[in-house]
Amino acid sequence: MMTVRLSANYSNEQTQLLGQIVLANFANNEGLASEGDNVWSATQSSGVALLGTAGTGNFGTLTNGALEASNVDLSKELVNMIVAQRNYQSNAQTIKTQDQILNTLVNLR
């Protein structure tokens, strides 16, 4: 079990425990309400927060001094965006061609 405690070290070499970090799990994470700036709040849909310490049960872990990298593959997303743009252009051209054909048919009378 990993217990994460916050403590303060003073210049007189005294150390004081400030608190302990706990993590929260919810029965339905999709039910959480976004408050903005990566802040979420519990709702009836999410259920009550179950509190616990890192590394126990279904709770995650905390890593000291680590920086989480972006979990988005930029090259893959850029390729997806180009494909979507080409699909859009193709559909727009199809509609334009259909419109031209209809105009030609109407003008044949």
N, C-alpha and C. Protein backbone atom coordinates (compact mmCIF):
# COMPACT_ATOMS: atom_id res chain seq x y z
N MET A 1 0.85 -1.18 0.00
CA MET A 1 0.00 0.00 0.00
C MET A 1 0.89 1.24 0.00
N MET A 2 0.60 2.18 -0.89
CA MET A 2 1.37 3.40 -0.97
C MET A 2 0.56 4.53 -0.34
N THR A 3 1.08 5.10 0.72
CA THR A 3 0.44 6.23 1.36
C THR A 3 1.23 7.48 1.01
N VAL A 4 0.56 8.48 0.46
CA VAL A 4 1.23 9.71 0.06
C VAL A 4 0.90 10.78 1.08
N ARG A 5 1.93 11.21 1.79
CA ARG A 5 1.75 12.24 2.81
C ARG A 5 2.52 13.48 2.41
N LEU A 6 1.93 14.63 2.70
CA LEU A 6 2.58 15.90 2.46
C LEU A 6 3.12 16.43 3.77
N SER A 7 4.38 16.83 3.75
CA SER A 7 4.97 17.37 4.97
C SER A 7 5.77 18.61 4.64
N ALA A 8 5.96 19.44 5.64
CA ALA A 8 6.73 20.67 5.49
C ALA A 8 8.00 20.54 6.30
N ASN A 9 9.11 20.95 5.69
CA ASN A 9 10.40 20.98 6.38
C ASN A 9 10.75 22.44 6.64
N TYR A 10 10.95 22.78 7.89
CA TYR A 10 11.24 24.16 8.28
C TYR A 10 12.73 24.36 8.48
N SER A 11 13.15 25.64 8.49
CA SER A 11 14.57 25.97 8.63
C SER A 11 15.14 25.54 9.97
N ASN A 12 14.29 25.35 10.98
CA ASN A 12 14.78 24.89 12.29
C ASN A 12 14.82 23.36 12.36
N GLU A 13 14.80 22.73 11.17
CA GLU A 13 14.87 21.28 11.02
C GLU A 13 13.68 20.53 11.60
N GLN A 14 12.60 21.24 11.84
CA GLN A 14 11.35 20.61 12.28
C GLN A 14 10.57 20.19 11.03
N THR A 15 9.87 19.09 11.13
CA THR A 15 9.02 18.59 10.06
C THR A 15 7.60 18.46 10.58
N GLN A 16 6.65 18.92 9.79
CA GLN A 16 5.25 18.84 10.21
C GLN A 16 4.43 18.19 9.10
N LEU A 17 3.62 17.22 9.48
CA LEU A 17 2.72 16.56 8.54
C LEU A 17 1.57 17.52 8.20
N LEU A 18 1.38 17.79 6.91
CA LEU A 18 0.34 18.72 6.47
C LEU A 18 -0.94 17.99 6.05
N GLY A 19 -0.80 16.80 5.55
CA GLY A 19 -1.98 16.07 5.11
C GLY A 19 -1.60 14.83 4.33
N GLN A 20 -2.62 14.17 3.81
CA GLN A 20 -2.44 12.94 3.05
C GLN A 20 -3.27 13.04 1.78
N ILE A 21 -2.72 12.60 0.67
CA ILE A 21 -3.44 12.63 -0.60
C ILE A 21 -4.30 11.38 -0.72
N VAL A 22 -5.58 11.59 -1.00
CA VAL A 22 -6.49 10.47 -1.23
C VAL A 22 -7.02 10.58 -2.66
N LEU A 23 -7.40 9.45 -3.21
CA LEU A 23 -7.96 9.40 -4.55
C LEU A 23 -9.43 9.03 -4.47
N ALA A 24 -10.19 9.41 -5.48
CA ALA A 24 -11.63 9.13 -5.50
C ALA A 24 -11.98 8.30 -6.73
N ASN A 25 -12.82 7.29 -6.53
CA ASN A 25 -13.39 6.49 -7.61
C ASN A 25 -14.89 6.68 -7.61
N PHE A 26 -15.50 6.55 -8.78
CA PHE A 26 -16.94 6.67 -8.91
C PHE A 26 -17.48 5.45 -9.63
N ALA A 27 -18.70 5.08 -9.32
CA ALA A 27 -19.33 3.93 -9.97
C ALA A 27 -19.50 4.19 -11.47
N ASN A 28 -19.77 5.45 -11.85
CA ASN A 28 -19.97 5.81 -13.26
C ASN A 28 -19.19 7.09 -13.56
N ASN A 29 -17.97 6.94 -14.06
CA ASN A 29 -17.14 8.11 -14.37
C ASN A 29 -17.77 9.00 -15.43
N GLU A 30 -18.55 8.41 -16.34
CA GLU A 30 -19.20 9.18 -17.39
C GLU A 30 -20.27 10.11 -16.82
N GLY A 31 -20.72 9.86 -15.60
CA GLY A 31 -21.74 10.68 -14.98
C GLY A 31 -21.21 11.91 -14.29
N LEU A 32 -19.89 12.08 -14.22
CA LEU A 32 -19.31 13.26 -13.59
C LEU A 32 -19.62 14.51 -14.41
N ALA A 33 -19.80 15.64 -13.73
CA ALA A 33 -20.09 16.90 -14.40
C ALA A 33 -18.81 17.71 -14.53
N SER A 34 -18.50 18.17 -15.74
CA SER A 34 -17.31 18.98 -15.98
C SER A 34 -17.55 20.40 -15.50
N GLU A 35 -16.64 20.89 -14.67
CA GLU A 35 -16.73 22.26 -14.16
C GLU A 35 -15.76 23.17 -14.91
N GLY A 36 -14.96 22.61 -15.81
CA GLY A 36 -13.95 23.37 -16.54
C GLY A 36 -12.60 23.30 -15.85
N ASP A 37 -11.54 23.62 -16.58
CA ASP A 37 -10.17 23.61 -16.05
C ASP A 37 -9.82 22.29 -15.39
N ASN A 38 -10.26 21.18 -15.98
CA ASN A 38 -9.96 19.83 -15.49
C ASN A 38 -10.51 19.57 -14.09
N VAL A 39 -11.62 20.23 -13.77
CA VAL A 39 -12.29 20.03 -12.48
C VAL A 39 -13.62 19.33 -12.75
N TRP A 40 -13.91 18.28 -11.97
CA TRP A 40 -15.12 17.49 -12.15
C TRP A 40 -15.86 17.41 -10.83
N SER A 41 -17.17 17.29 -10.89
CA SER A 41 -17.95 17.16 -9.66
C SER A 41 -18.91 15.98 -9.77
N ALA A 42 -19.22 15.42 -8.62
CA ALA A 42 -20.11 14.25 -8.56
C ALA A 42 -21.54 14.67 -8.86
N THR A 43 -22.28 13.76 -9.47
CA THR A 43 -23.71 13.96 -9.73
C THR A 43 -24.44 12.70 -9.27
N GLN A 44 -25.75 12.72 -9.37
CA GLN A 44 -26.51 11.51 -9.04
C GLN A 44 -26.13 10.37 -9.97
N SER A 45 -25.84 10.72 -11.22
CA SER A 45 -25.48 9.71 -12.22
C SER A 45 -24.12 9.07 -11.93
N SER A 46 -23.17 9.86 -11.41
CA SER A 46 -21.83 9.32 -11.14
C SER A 46 -21.80 8.48 -9.88
N GLY A 47 -22.69 8.78 -8.95
CA GLY A 47 -22.67 8.08 -7.67
C GLY A 47 -21.79 8.80 -6.67
N VAL A 48 -21.72 8.26 -5.49
CA VAL A 48 -20.94 8.85 -4.39
C VAL A 48 -19.47 8.52 -4.59
N ALA A 49 -18.60 9.45 -4.23
CA ALA A 49 -17.16 9.23 -4.33
C ALA A 49 -16.71 8.20 -3.31
N LEU A 50 -15.93 7.22 -3.78
CA LEU A 50 -15.31 6.23 -2.90
C LEU A 50 -13.86 6.64 -2.73
N LEU A 51 -13.46 6.99 -1.52
CA LEU A 51 -12.11 7.50 -1.26
C LEU A 51 -11.18 6.38 -0.84
N GLY A 52 -9.92 6.50 -1.24
CA GLY A 52 -8.92 5.52 -0.87
C GLY A 52 -7.53 6.05 -1.15
N THR A 53 -6.53 5.26 -0.81
CA THR A 53 -5.15 5.67 -1.02
C THR A 53 -4.60 5.06 -2.31
N ALA A 54 -3.60 5.72 -2.86
CA ALA A 54 -3.00 5.28 -4.12
C ALA A 54 -2.42 3.88 -3.99
N GLY A 55 -2.61 3.09 -5.04
CA GLY A 55 -2.03 1.76 -5.08
C GLY A 55 -2.84 0.67 -4.41
N THR A 56 -4.05 1.00 -3.94
CA THR A 56 -4.89 -0.01 -3.30
C THR A 56 -6.16 -0.19 -4.12
N GLY A 57 -6.69 -1.38 -4.14
CA GLY A 57 -7.96 -1.65 -4.83
C GLY A 57 -7.94 -1.18 -6.26
N ASN A 58 -8.99 -0.46 -6.65
CA ASN A 58 -9.11 0.06 -8.02
C ASN A 58 -8.54 1.46 -8.16
N PHE A 59 -7.82 1.91 -7.15
CA PHE A 59 -7.25 3.25 -7.20
C PHE A 59 -5.95 3.23 -7.99
N GLY A 60 -5.65 4.31 -8.65
CA GLY A 60 -4.42 4.40 -9.43
C GLY A 60 -3.21 4.57 -8.54
N THR A 61 -2.12 4.92 -9.16
CA THR A 61 -0.89 5.15 -8.41
C THR A 61 -0.41 6.57 -8.67
N LEU A 62 0.41 7.06 -7.80
CA LEU A 62 1.03 8.37 -7.95
C LEU A 62 2.53 8.17 -8.10
N THR A 63 3.14 8.95 -8.99
CA THR A 63 4.57 8.85 -9.21
C THR A 63 5.21 10.19 -8.90
N ASN A 64 6.16 10.19 -8.01
CA ASN A 64 6.84 11.40 -7.58
C ASN A 64 7.75 11.93 -8.69
N GLY A 65 7.66 13.22 -8.98
CA GLY A 65 8.56 13.86 -9.92
C GLY A 65 8.33 13.51 -11.38
N ALA A 66 7.20 12.93 -11.70
CA ALA A 66 6.92 12.52 -13.08
C ALA A 66 6.02 13.54 -13.76
N LEU A 67 6.15 13.62 -15.06
CA LEU A 67 5.32 14.50 -15.87
C LEU A 67 4.58 13.64 -16.88
N GLU A 68 3.26 13.71 -16.88
CA GLU A 68 2.49 12.90 -17.83
C GLU A 68 2.57 13.54 -19.20
N ALA A 69 2.97 12.75 -20.16
CA ALA A 69 3.05 13.24 -21.53
C ALA A 69 1.66 13.18 -22.16
N SER A 70 1.49 13.94 -23.21
CA SER A 70 0.22 13.91 -23.93
C SER A 70 -0.01 12.51 -24.47
N ASN A 71 -1.23 12.02 -24.36
CA ASN A 71 -1.53 10.69 -24.87
C ASN A 71 -2.25 10.78 -26.21
N VAL A 72 -1.94 11.83 -26.97
CA VAL A 72 -2.50 12.00 -28.31
C VAL A 72 -1.37 11.81 -29.31
N ASP A 73 -1.59 10.96 -30.31
CA ASP A 73 -0.61 10.74 -31.37
C ASP A 73 -0.86 11.80 -32.44
N LEU A 74 -0.02 12.85 -32.45
CA LEU A 74 -0.26 13.98 -33.34
C LEU A 74 -0.23 13.59 -34.81
N SER A 75 0.69 12.72 -35.20
CA SER A 75 0.76 12.34 -36.62
C SER A 75 -0.50 11.59 -37.04
N LYS A 76 -1.00 10.71 -36.18
CA LYS A 76 -2.23 9.98 -36.49
C LYS A 76 -3.42 10.93 -36.60
N GLU A 77 -3.50 11.89 -35.68
CA GLU A 77 -4.61 12.84 -35.70
C GLU A 77 -4.53 13.75 -36.93
N LEU A 78 -3.32 14.11 -37.35
CA LEU A 78 -3.16 14.93 -38.55
C LEU A 78 -3.61 14.15 -39.79
N VAL A 79 -3.24 12.88 -39.86
CA VAL A 79 -3.68 12.04 -40.98
C VAL A 79 -5.21 11.93 -40.97
N ASN A 80 -5.81 11.72 -39.80
CA ASN A 80 -7.27 11.65 -39.70
C ASN A 80 -7.92 12.94 -40.17
N MET A 81 -7.31 14.08 -39.82
CA MET A 81 -7.86 15.37 -40.22
C MET A 81 -7.78 15.55 -41.74
N ILE A 82 -6.66 15.13 -42.35
CA ILE A 82 -6.51 15.23 -43.80
C ILE A 82 -7.53 14.34 -44.50
N VAL A 83 -7.73 13.12 -44.00
CA VAL A 83 -8.72 12.20 -44.58
C VAL A 83 -10.11 12.81 -44.48
N ALA A 84 -10.44 13.38 -43.32
CA ALA A 84 -11.76 14.00 -43.15
C ALA A 84 -11.94 15.17 -44.10
N GLN A 85 -10.88 15.97 -44.29
CA GLN A 85 -10.97 17.11 -45.20
C GLN A 85 -11.18 16.63 -46.64
N ARG A 86 -10.49 15.59 -47.05
CA ARG A 86 -10.65 15.07 -48.41
C ARG A 86 -12.04 14.47 -48.60
N ASN A 87 -12.55 13.79 -47.58
CA ASN A 87 -13.92 13.27 -47.66
C ASN A 87 -14.92 14.40 -47.83
N TYR A 88 -14.72 15.49 -47.07
CA TYR A 88 -15.60 16.64 -47.17
C TYR A 88 -15.54 17.24 -48.58
N GLN A 89 -14.32 17.40 -49.10
CA GLN A 89 -14.16 17.96 -50.45
C GLN A 89 -14.82 17.06 -51.49
N SER A 90 -14.67 15.77 -51.34
CA SER A 90 -15.28 14.82 -52.27
C SER A 90 -16.79 14.92 -52.24
N ASN A 91 -17.36 14.97 -51.04
CA ASN A 91 -18.81 15.10 -50.91
C ASN A 91 -19.31 16.42 -51.47
N ALA A 92 -18.55 17.50 -51.24
CA ALA A 92 -18.94 18.80 -51.77
C ALA A 92 -18.92 18.78 -53.30
N GLN A 93 -17.92 18.14 -53.88
CA GLN A 93 -17.83 18.04 -55.35
C GLN A 93 -18.98 17.21 -55.90
N THR A 94 -19.36 16.15 -55.20
CA THR A 94 -20.49 15.31 -55.63
C THR A 94 -21.77 16.13 -55.65
N ILE A 95 -22.00 16.91 -54.62
CA ILE A 95 -23.20 17.75 -54.56
C ILE A 95 -23.18 18.80 -55.67
N LYS A 96 -22.01 19.39 -55.92
CA LYS A 96 -21.88 20.40 -56.97
C LYS A 96 -22.18 19.78 -58.34
N THR A 97 -21.65 18.59 -58.60
CA THR A 97 -21.90 17.90 -59.87
C THR A 97 -23.37 17.56 -60.02
N GLN A 98 -23.98 17.08 -58.95
CA GLN A 98 -25.41 16.75 -58.98
C GLN A 98 -26.23 18.00 -59.28
N ASP A 99 -25.86 19.11 -58.69
CA ASP A 99 -26.57 20.37 -58.93
C ASP A 99 -26.43 20.80 -60.39
N GLN A 100 -25.23 20.64 -60.96
CA GLN A 100 -25.02 21.00 -62.37
C GLN A 100 -25.85 20.11 -63.29
N ILE A 101 -25.92 18.82 -62.99
CA ILE A 101 -26.72 17.89 -63.81
C ILE A 101 -28.20 18.27 -63.75
N LEU A 102 -28.70 18.57 -62.55
CA LEU A 102 -30.11 18.98 -62.42
C LEU A 102 -30.39 20.26 -63.17
N ASN A 103 -29.47 21.22 -63.12
CA ASN A 103 -29.65 22.47 -63.86
C ASN A 103 -29.67 22.21 -65.36
N THR A 104 -28.81 21.32 -65.84
CA THR A 104 -28.79 20.97 -67.27
C THR A 104 -30.11 20.33 -67.68
N LEU A 105 -30.63 19.41 -66.86
CA LEU A 105 -31.90 18.74 -67.16
C LEU A 105 -33.06 19.72 -67.18
N VAL A 106 -33.07 20.66 -66.25
CA VAL A 106 -34.14 21.65 -66.20
C VAL A 106 -34.09 22.54 -67.44
N ASN A 107 -32.90 22.87 -67.90
CA ASN A 107 -32.75 23.76 -69.06
C ASN A 107 -32.99 23.06 -70.39
N LEU A 108 -33.12 21.71 -70.41
CA LEU A 108 -33.39 20.98 -71.65
C LEU A 108 -34.82 21.19 -72.13
N ARG A 109 -35.72 21.56 -71.31
CA ARG A 109 -37.13 21.75 -71.69
C ARG A 109 -37.26 22.90 -72.56
